[in-house]
Amino acid sequence: MGVVNVAVLGLGTVGQGVVKVIQDNAGVWEQKTGSRICLKRALEKYPNRPMDVKLEPGVITANLEDIMNDPEIQVVVEVIGGIEPARTFILEALKAGKNVVTANKDLLAVHGQEIFRAAQAAGKDFFFEASVGGAIPIIGPLRQSLIASNILEVMGIVNGTTNYILSRMSREGGQFDEILSDAQALGYAEADPTADVDGIDAARKVAILATLAFHSQVTLSDVHIEGIKHITPEDLKFASQMGYAVKLLGICRSNNGTIEARVHPALIPLKHPLANVNDTFNAIFVKGDAVGDTMFYGRGAGRMPTASAIVGDIVEIARNINHNCSGRLSSVCERTKTIKAMDDVETSFFLRMVLADRPGVLAQLTKSLGDHQVSLATVLQTNLQGGDAELVFVTHKVREGDLREALKEIENMPVTRKIATVIRVEGDA
């Protein structure tokens, strides 16, 4: 019976979760891998911080070299987070001949290719299942199970905080700010929720998913990002009346050598599987030419789901060590596909406007839209006080640049009081 020695970099919330999973299931690993998985070292800057796991004397160290210079340590788990020093530590571990596991989406979305190449050069495993979707298996399937298919689209709800907020706004008609406060009180949102509600967290995950799905390097700067702060209960009410739910979606598509990579709120038909994913759950919908449609669903974050995915990677590495096949899965993506500009993306749109309620206004509006190749699929009207009317539309698919030009023209019309909402529509109605 062999031993696979592991070192954990960081004993924060997730790091302690990893320790707990390793300790609680110690007897299981021998059956699953043919080896004992042993936590030999843990790097911790504040060794006296309160912890809910017990470690043997001598396991905790504040000296990185105790890990890098120990030839018995075969797997390094990075759960420090952020870009630095995590990037430097991972590169040092690979150079020292260690296999590496991380959950660090921030790092991979910016420096993923550099690390993939370092792992390939070292002939070592670099696994990162927990970087997208917590315990939901999506990285592994994209690297292995779905490799026979040409992936055409990956679309999903990959941020639990925003999904919780939008789900409650839709059910209860509450305002964004008040539900965000509830989410913070429940621990579903950070004290500073910017990365979640502005779409940045989801965009990091989209960069990783697009890179793997399309075998081409996509970084955070390539992803178009919009958040949910501007979504109102009125938008959700009208969307529901028209047969749609509103979700913050991460979307990546490949077509004719170009890649769409974007994060934004979107209307999605109620019959679509993603429309019924609510509260803090995540789901990722994958379309491939051979596999067709598949969806991966579950808890997308949290201490123990993330720890479960990390330890799953450790187990897979232990198997590879036992069979002398470390480094067999390369993530290096040498193809270079063009990122499609948002003006050239074609989608349908949900539009909500307040216009003067007088004869000929709708005809004037539809003419302006038609002049820019925009046609309407659905129209709703609500009368307002003071001689104004609220009009709600869903367009047919249109090039985004054409729609933006039409809206500029409409905004300057004397009859236009306000263009209140512009939201893209995704999924087949």
Protein backbone atom coordinates (compact mmCIF):
# COMPACT_ATOMS: atom_id res chain seq x y z
CA MET A 1 0.00 0.00 0.00
CA GLY A 2 1.56 3.28 -1.13
CA VAL A 3 1.28 6.72 0.41
CA VAL A 4 0.49 9.94 -1.46
CA ASN A 5 1.63 12.91 0.60
CA VAL A 6 -0.24 16.18 0.25
CA ALA A 7 0.56 19.74 1.28
CA VAL A 8 -2.14 22.42 1.56
CA LEU A 9 -1.24 26.06 0.97
CA GLY A 10 -3.62 28.06 3.16
CA LEU A 11 -5.81 27.01 6.07
CA GLY A 12 -8.71 29.38 5.55
CA THR A 13 -12.31 28.26 5.19
CA VAL A 14 -11.75 26.09 2.11
CA GLY A 15 -8.33 24.85 3.24
CA GLN A 16 -9.78 23.57 6.49
CA GLY A 17 -12.61 21.98 4.50
CA VAL A 18 -10.03 20.08 2.44
CA VAL A 19 -8.33 18.85 5.61
CA LYS A 20 -11.67 17.73 7.02
CA VAL A 21 -12.63 15.75 3.90
CA ILE A 22 -9.21 14.05 3.83
CA GLN A 23 -9.44 13.17 7.52
CA ASP A 24 -13.09 12.08 7.56
CA ASN A 25 -12.68 9.70 4.62
CA ALA A 26 -9.16 8.45 5.28
CA GLY A 27 -10.22 4.80 5.09
CA VAL A 28 -11.96 5.27 1.77
CA TRP A 29 -8.95 6.45 -0.22
CA GLU A 30 -7.12 3.12 0.04
CA GLN A 31 -10.06 1.38 -1.62
CA LYS A 32 -10.42 4.02 -4.33
CA THR A 33 -6.79 4.68 -5.18
CA GLY A 34 -4.72 1.85 -3.73
CA SER A 35 -2.88 4.44 -1.62
CA ARG A 36 -3.24 6.24 1.65
CA ILE A 37 -3.67 9.99 1.19
CA CYS A 38 -1.73 11.70 3.92
CA LEU A 39 -1.72 15.40 4.79
CA LYS A 40 1.96 15.98 5.51
CA ARG A 41 2.23 19.77 5.55
CA ALA A 42 0.02 22.89 5.66
CA LEU A 43 1.35 26.37 4.92
CA GLU A 44 -0.29 28.94 7.17
CA LYS A 45 0.75 32.53 7.79
CA TYR A 46 -1.28 32.71 11.02
CA PRO A 47 -0.83 29.30 12.68
CA ASN A 48 -2.65 30.37 15.86
CA ARG A 49 -5.87 31.33 14.10
CA PRO A 50 -9.00 29.49 15.37
CA MET A 51 -9.55 26.26 13.43
CA ASP A 52 -12.18 23.56 13.51
CA VAL A 53 -9.79 20.83 12.38
CA LYS A 54 -7.04 19.17 14.41
CA LEU A 55 -3.60 18.67 12.91
CA GLU A 56 -0.66 16.66 14.17
CA PRO A 57 2.25 18.62 15.66
CA GLY A 58 4.70 19.76 12.98
CA VAL A 59 2.17 19.72 10.12
CA ILE A 60 1.68 23.50 10.05
CA THR A 61 4.58 25.56 8.73
CA ALA A 62 5.07 29.20 7.78
CA ASN A 63 8.02 28.31 5.54
CA LEU A 64 7.16 27.47 1.93
CA GLU A 65 10.53 25.76 1.45
CA ASP A 66 9.51 23.07 3.96
CA ILE A 67 7.06 21.97 1.26
CA MET A 68 8.96 22.69 -1.93
CA ASN A 69 12.15 20.97 -0.73
CA ASP A 70 10.40 17.87 0.62
CA PRO A 71 10.68 15.12 -2.05
CA GLU A 72 8.02 13.05 -0.26
CA ILE A 73 5.30 15.63 -0.96
CA GLN A 74 3.75 14.72 -4.29
CA VAL A 75 0.64 16.94 -4.38
CA VAL A 76 0.34 20.64 -3.51
CA VAL A 77 -3.13 22.12 -3.02
CA GLU A 78 -3.33 25.90 -3.45
CA VAL A 79 -6.27 27.47 -1.62
CA ILE A 80 -4.79 30.88 -0.87
CA GLY A 81 -6.79 32.61 -3.61
CA GLY A 82 -6.01 35.74 -5.60
CA ILE A 83 -3.25 36.22 -8.15
CA GLU A 84 -0.13 36.58 -6.02
CA PRO A 85 1.50 34.85 -4.27
CA ALA A 86 -0.66 31.96 -5.53
CA ARG A 87 0.76 32.17 -9.07
CA THR A 88 4.35 32.11 -7.87
CA PHE A 89 3.69 29.26 -5.43
CA ILE A 90 2.01 27.11 -8.10
CA LEU A 91 4.81 27.67 -10.61
CA GLU A 92 7.40 26.85 -7.94
CA ALA A 93 5.55 23.66 -7.01
CA LEU A 94 5.42 22.47 -10.62
CA LYS A 95 9.10 23.30 -11.10
CA ALA A 96 9.85 21.29 -7.96
CA GLY A 97 8.12 18.25 -9.47
CA LYS A 98 4.86 18.45 -7.53
CA ASN A 99 1.39 17.83 -8.92
CA VAL A 100 -0.93 20.75 -8.21
CA VAL A 101 -4.63 21.23 -7.40
CA THR A 102 -6.29 24.62 -7.16
CA ALA A 103 -9.72 26.25 -6.94
CA ASN A 104 -8.33 29.62 -8.00
CA LYS A 105 -10.58 30.98 -10.76
CA ASP A 106 -9.12 34.49 -10.42
CA LEU A 107 -5.66 33.18 -11.31
CA LEU A 108 -6.74 30.81 -14.08
CA ALA A 109 -8.84 33.45 -15.83
CA VAL A 110 -5.75 35.64 -16.22
CA HIS A 111 -2.68 33.35 -16.16
CA GLY A 112 -4.16 29.96 -16.99
CA GLN A 113 -2.15 29.36 -20.12
CA GLU A 114 1.15 30.09 -18.38
CA ILE A 115 0.36 27.53 -15.69
CA PHE A 116 -0.92 24.93 -18.15
CA ARG A 117 2.35 25.17 -20.07
CA ALA A 118 4.40 24.92 -16.88
CA ALA A 119 2.51 21.75 -15.91
CA GLN A 120 3.06 20.23 -19.34
CA ALA A 121 6.77 21.08 -19.25
CA ALA A 122 7.06 19.46 -15.82
CA GLY A 123 5.07 16.37 -16.88
CA LYS A 124 2.81 16.84 -13.85
CA ASP A 125 -0.92 16.97 -13.23
CA PHE A 126 -2.57 20.36 -12.80
CA PHE A 127 -6.22 19.93 -11.80
CA PHE A 128 -8.76 22.65 -11.08
CA GLU A 129 -12.26 21.15 -10.92
CA ALA A 130 -13.30 23.44 -8.04
CA SER A 131 -12.53 26.61 -9.99
CA VAL A 132 -15.92 26.51 -11.73
CA GLY A 133 -19.14 25.29 -10.16
CA GLY A 134 -17.84 24.10 -6.79
CA ALA A 135 -18.75 20.43 -6.49
CA ILE A 136 -20.49 20.35 -9.90
CA PRO A 137 -18.35 18.23 -12.24
CA ILE A 138 -17.77 20.34 -15.34
CA ILE A 139 -14.00 20.74 -15.80
CA GLY A 140 -13.45 16.97 -15.87
CA PRO A 141 -16.20 16.35 -18.43
CA LEU A 142 -14.87 19.11 -20.71
CA ARG A 143 -11.34 17.65 -20.49
CA GLN A 144 -12.35 13.98 -20.77
CA SER A 145 -15.97 12.76 -21.01
CA LEU A 146 -17.11 15.20 -23.70
CA ILE A 147 -13.88 15.26 -25.68
CA ALA A 148 -15.41 13.23 -28.52
CA SER A 149 -17.86 16.06 -29.25
CA ASN A 150 -17.17 19.36 -30.92
CA ILE A 151 -18.50 21.70 -28.22
CA LEU A 152 -20.69 24.40 -29.74
CA GLU A 153 -22.01 26.20 -26.67
CA VAL A 154 -21.56 26.40 -22.92
CA MET A 155 -24.18 28.48 -21.14
CA GLY A 156 -24.92 28.55 -17.46
CA ILE A 157 -25.77 30.07 -14.12
CA VAL A 158 -22.37 30.12 -12.46
CA ASN A 159 -22.88 32.55 -9.59
CA GLY A 160 -25.12 31.58 -6.67
CA THR A 161 -25.35 35.06 -5.16
CA THR A 162 -26.89 36.67 -8.22
CA ASN A 163 -29.15 33.68 -8.82
CA TYR A 164 -30.45 33.94 -5.24
CA ILE A 165 -31.15 37.66 -5.66
CA LEU A 166 -32.93 37.31 -9.01
CA SER A 167 -34.91 34.26 -7.82
CA ARG A 168 -36.25 36.16 -4.80
CA MET A 169 -36.93 39.34 -6.79
CA SER A 170 -38.95 37.25 -9.24
CA ARG A 171 -40.94 35.42 -6.54
CA GLU A 172 -41.53 38.30 -4.15
CA GLY A 173 -41.30 41.43 -6.26
CA GLY A 174 -38.67 42.85 -3.89
CA GLN A 175 -36.06 45.45 -4.73
CA PHE A 176 -32.44 44.57 -5.51
CA ASP A 177 -30.91 46.43 -2.54
CA GLU A 178 -33.13 44.88 0.12
CA ILE A 179 -32.64 41.33 -1.13
CA LEU A 180 -28.88 41.86 -1.44
CA SER A 181 -28.88 42.87 2.26
CA ASP A 182 -30.71 39.64 3.12
CA ALA A 183 -28.19 37.64 1.09
CA GLN A 184 -25.34 39.24 3.01
CA ALA A 185 -27.01 38.49 6.35
CA LEU A 186 -27.44 34.83 5.31
CA GLY A 187 -23.83 34.53 4.15
CA TYR A 188 -24.78 34.13 0.48
CA ALA A 189 -23.13 37.44 -0.45
CA GLU A 190 -19.84 38.98 0.63
CA ALA A 191 -19.63 42.21 2.60
CA ASP A 192 -18.33 43.68 -0.68
CA PRO A 193 -20.54 41.96 -3.28
CA THR A 194 -19.05 43.76 -6.29
CA ALA A 195 -17.43 40.72 -7.94
CA ASP A 196 -20.73 38.83 -7.79
CA VAL A 197 -23.36 41.44 -8.65
CA ASP A 198 -21.24 43.12 -11.33
CA GLY A 199 -20.67 39.78 -13.10
CA ILE A 200 -16.90 39.58 -12.57
CA ASP A 201 -16.96 36.25 -10.70
CA ALA A 202 -19.05 34.67 -13.45
CA ALA A 203 -16.78 36.14 -16.14
CA ARG A 204 -13.72 34.47 -14.64
CA LYS A 205 -15.51 31.14 -14.88
CA VAL A 206 -16.60 31.83 -18.46
CA ALA A 207 -12.97 32.48 -19.43
CA ILE A 208 -11.98 29.07 -18.03
CA LEU A 209 -14.93 27.24 -19.62
CA ALA A 210 -14.38 28.84 -23.03
CA THR A 211 -10.67 27.98 -22.96
CA LEU A 212 -11.40 24.31 -22.30
CA ALA A 213 -14.48 23.99 -24.50
CA PHE A 214 -12.92 25.56 -27.59
CA HIS A 215 -9.22 24.69 -27.07
CA SER A 216 -8.28 28.33 -27.44
CA GLN A 217 -6.93 30.74 -24.87
CA VAL A 218 -9.65 33.02 -23.48
CA THR A 219 -8.82 35.39 -20.63
CA LEU A 220 -10.92 37.59 -18.38
CA SER A 221 -10.22 40.64 -20.54
CA ASP A 222 -11.85 38.84 -23.51
CA VAL A 223 -15.21 38.45 -21.72
CA HIS A 224 -17.97 41.05 -22.08
CA ILE A 225 -19.33 41.71 -18.57
CA GLU A 226 -22.59 43.20 -17.29
CA GLY A 227 -24.08 42.81 -13.82
CA ILE A 228 -27.61 42.78 -12.38
CA LYS A 229 -27.86 46.06 -10.45
CA HIS A 230 -30.11 47.63 -13.08
CA ILE A 231 -32.68 44.79 -13.10
CA THR A 232 -36.02 45.88 -11.58
CA PRO A 233 -39.07 43.99 -10.29
CA GLU A 234 -40.97 45.47 -13.25
CA ASP A 235 -38.58 43.81 -15.69
CA LEU A 236 -39.10 40.46 -13.98
CA LYS A 237 -42.87 40.88 -13.94
CA PHE A 238 -43.11 41.63 -17.65
CA ALA A 239 -40.64 38.86 -18.50
CA SER A 240 -42.79 36.36 -16.62
CA GLN A 241 -45.93 37.54 -18.42
CA MET A 242 -44.17 36.90 -21.71
CA GLY A 243 -43.00 33.41 -20.71
CA TYR A 244 -39.44 34.11 -19.58
CA ALA A 245 -37.25 33.99 -16.47
CA VAL A 246 -34.36 36.41 -15.95
CA LYS A 247 -30.96 34.96 -15.03
CA LEU A 248 -27.38 36.17 -14.96
CA LEU A 249 -25.89 33.91 -17.62
CA GLY A 250 -22.34 33.08 -18.57
CA ILE A 251 -22.28 32.29 -22.27
CA CYS A 252 -19.57 31.05 -24.60
CA ARG A 253 -20.14 29.91 -28.16
CA SER A 254 -17.91 28.95 -31.05
CA ASN A 255 -18.93 29.55 -34.64
CA ASN A 256 -16.91 29.88 -37.85
CA GLY A 257 -13.60 30.34 -36.05
CA THR A 258 -14.87 32.99 -33.63
CA ILE A 259 -15.76 32.80 -29.94
CA GLU A 260 -18.49 34.63 -28.07
CA ALA A 261 -17.60 35.07 -24.40
CA ARG A 262 -20.02 37.12 -22.33
CA VAL A 263 -21.74 37.51 -18.97
CA HIS A 264 -24.97 39.49 -18.62
CA PRO A 265 -28.57 39.22 -17.46
CA ALA A 266 -30.78 37.49 -20.00
CA LEU A 267 -34.35 36.40 -20.48
CA ILE A 268 -34.59 32.66 -20.97
CA PRO A 269 -37.78 30.75 -21.90
CA LEU A 270 -39.50 29.11 -18.94
CA LYS A 271 -39.32 25.74 -20.72
CA HIS A 272 -35.50 25.90 -20.84
CA PRO A 273 -33.83 23.76 -18.12
CA LEU A 274 -31.85 26.76 -16.82
CA ALA A 275 -35.03 28.77 -16.18
CA ASN A 276 -35.94 26.55 -13.22
CA VAL A 277 -32.54 26.72 -11.50
CA ASN A 278 -33.21 28.93 -8.49
CA ASP A 279 -31.75 30.35 -5.30
CA THR A 280 -28.06 29.53 -4.72
CA PHE A 281 -27.93 26.60 -7.14
CA ASN A 282 -25.77 26.68 -10.26
CA ALA A 283 -26.24 24.86 -13.55
CA ILE A 284 -24.16 24.64 -16.71
CA PHE A 285 -25.73 23.70 -20.04
CA VAL A 286 -23.41 22.21 -22.68
CA LYS A 287 -24.27 21.63 -26.34
CA GLY A 288 -22.07 19.46 -28.54
CA ASP A 289 -22.38 18.14 -32.07
CA ALA A 290 -22.28 14.48 -31.02
CA VAL A 291 -23.49 14.58 -27.41
CA GLY A 292 -26.39 16.98 -28.00
CA ASP A 293 -27.62 18.82 -24.92
CA THR A 294 -26.35 18.07 -21.41
CA MET A 295 -26.72 19.95 -18.12
CA PHE A 296 -24.68 19.85 -14.89
CA TYR A 297 -26.48 21.03 -11.74
CA GLY A 298 -25.72 21.50 -8.06
CA ARG A 299 -24.25 23.71 -5.36
CA GLY A 300 -21.80 26.01 -7.08
CA ALA A 301 -19.89 27.24 -4.05
CA GLY A 302 -19.41 26.83 -0.32
CA ARG A 303 -16.75 25.37 1.90
CA MET A 304 -17.57 21.67 1.69
CA PRO A 305 -18.72 21.47 -1.97
CA THR A 306 -15.48 23.21 -3.00
CA ALA A 307 -13.43 20.96 -0.72
CA SER A 308 -15.14 17.91 -2.21
CA ALA A 309 -14.08 18.92 -5.73
CA ILE A 310 -10.51 19.60 -4.58
CA VAL A 311 -10.17 16.24 -2.87
CA GLY A 312 -11.69 14.58 -5.92
CA ASP A 313 -8.79 16.00 -7.91
CA ILE A 314 -6.31 14.73 -5.30
CA VAL A 315 -7.78 11.24 -5.62
CA GLU A 316 -7.46 11.35 -9.41
CA ILE A 317 -3.83 12.44 -9.10
CA ALA A 318 -3.17 9.62 -6.62
CA ARG A 319 -4.45 7.13 -9.19
CA ASN A 320 -2.18 8.64 -11.83
CA ILE A 321 0.82 8.43 -9.50
CA ASN A 322 0.09 4.76 -8.81
CA HIS A 323 -0.06 4.00 -12.51
CA ASN A 324 2.89 6.21 -13.44
CA CYS A 325 0.83 8.38 -15.80
CA SER A 326 1.00 11.86 -14.28
CA GLY A 327 0.63 14.68 -16.78
CA ARG A 328 -1.50 12.67 -19.19
CA LEU A 329 -4.19 15.40 -19.36
CA SER A 330 -2.86 18.51 -21.02
CA SER A 331 -4.82 21.75 -20.83
CA VAL A 332 -2.54 23.72 -23.13
CA CYS A 333 -4.70 25.38 -25.77
CA GLU A 334 -2.62 26.57 -28.70
CA ARG A 335 -5.44 27.49 -31.07
CA THR A 336 -6.11 31.19 -31.53
CA LYS A 337 -9.71 32.03 -32.29
CA THR A 338 -11.00 35.57 -32.66
CA ILE A 339 -13.22 36.91 -29.89
CA LYS A 340 -16.38 38.22 -31.54
CA ALA A 341 -17.14 41.88 -30.88
CA MET A 342 -20.44 42.46 -29.09
CA ASP A 343 -21.71 44.64 -31.95
CA ASP A 344 -21.55 41.54 -34.18
CA VAL A 345 -23.30 39.17 -31.74
CA GLU A 346 -26.86 38.27 -32.81
CA THR A 347 -29.55 37.80 -30.15
CA SER A 348 -33.13 38.76 -29.47
CA PHE A 349 -33.79 41.63 -27.06
CA PHE A 350 -36.32 42.57 -24.37
CA LEU A 351 -37.00 46.31 -24.49
CA ARG A 352 -39.05 48.43 -22.08
CA MET A 353 -39.79 52.06 -22.99
CA VAL A 354 -42.01 54.92 -21.86
CA LEU A 355 -43.40 56.88 -24.81
CA ALA A 356 -46.00 59.57 -25.34
CA ASP A 357 -49.46 57.97 -25.64
CA ARG A 358 -50.68 59.52 -28.89
CA PRO A 359 -51.69 58.28 -32.36
CA GLY A 360 -48.87 57.24 -34.67
CA VAL A 361 -46.23 56.75 -31.99
CA LEU A 362 -46.03 52.97 -32.39
CA ALA A 363 -45.78 53.32 -36.17
CA GLN A 364 -42.99 55.86 -35.76
CA LEU A 365 -41.18 53.52 -33.39
CA THR A 366 -41.48 50.42 -35.57
CA LYS A 367 -40.29 52.38 -38.60
CA SER A 368 -37.16 53.48 -36.76
CA LEU A 369 -36.51 49.90 -35.66
CA GLY A 370 -37.19 48.54 -39.14
CA ASP A 371 -34.77 51.01 -40.70
CA HIS A 372 -32.07 49.30 -38.63
CA GLN A 373 -33.14 45.71 -39.43
CA VAL A 374 -34.95 45.22 -36.10
CA SER A 375 -38.31 43.42 -36.17
CA LEU A 376 -40.65 42.83 -33.24
CA ALA A 377 -41.89 39.40 -32.13
CA THR A 378 -44.04 40.47 -29.16
CA VAL A 379 -45.52 43.79 -27.97
CA LEU A 380 -47.22 44.65 -24.66
CA GLN A 381 -48.63 48.07 -23.69
CA THR A 382 -49.44 49.45 -20.24
CA ASN A 383 -51.09 52.83 -19.89
CA LEU A 384 -49.46 55.27 -17.48
CA GLN A 385 -50.70 58.52 -16.05
CA GLY A 386 -49.92 61.87 -17.61
CA GLY A 387 -50.46 60.88 -21.23
CA ASP A 388 -47.61 58.37 -21.41
CA ALA A 389 -47.63 54.65 -22.19
CA GLU A 390 -45.19 51.91 -21.22
CA LEU A 391 -44.36 49.59 -24.11
CA VAL A 392 -42.59 46.25 -23.73
CA PHE A 393 -41.14 44.40 -26.72
CA VAL A 394 -39.26 41.23 -27.55
CA THR A 395 -37.44 41.48 -30.87
CA HIS A 396 -36.50 38.78 -33.33
CA LYS A 397 -32.78 38.04 -33.53
CA VAL A 398 -30.80 41.08 -34.53
CA ARG A 399 -27.19 42.14 -34.77
CA GLU A 400 -26.47 44.02 -31.55
CA GLY A 401 -24.77 46.94 -33.30
CA ASP A 402 -27.90 47.51 -35.41
CA LEU A 403 -30.13 47.53 -32.35
CA ARG A 404 -27.87 50.02 -30.56
CA GLU A 405 -28.05 52.38 -33.54
CA ALA A 406 -31.84 52.12 -33.57
CA LEU A 407 -32.05 52.86 -29.85
CA LYS A 408 -29.87 55.97 -30.25
CA GLU A 409 -32.32 57.24 -32.85
CA ILE A 410 -35.37 56.37 -30.73
CA GLU A 411 -33.89 58.02 -27.65
CA ASN A 412 -33.72 61.34 -29.52
CA MET A 413 -37.33 61.18 -30.75
CA PRO A 414 -39.60 63.87 -29.17
CA VAL A 415 -42.14 61.18 -28.16
CA THR A 416 -39.60 59.14 -26.15
CA ARG A 417 -39.72 59.70 -22.41
CA LYS A 418 -37.35 56.91 -21.35
CA ILE A 419 -35.70 53.73 -22.60
CA ALA A 420 -35.96 51.91 -19.27
CA THR A 421 -34.55 48.46 -20.02
CA VAL A 422 -32.52 46.62 -22.64
CA ILE A 423 -31.90 42.92 -21.86
CA ARG A 424 -30.77 40.17 -24.21
CA VAL A 425 -32.88 37.04 -24.75
CA GLU A 426 -31.19 33.61 -24.90
CA GLY A 427 -32.46 30.11 -25.61
CA ASP A 428 -35.01 28.88 -28.13
CA ALA A 429 -38.53 30.09 -27.37
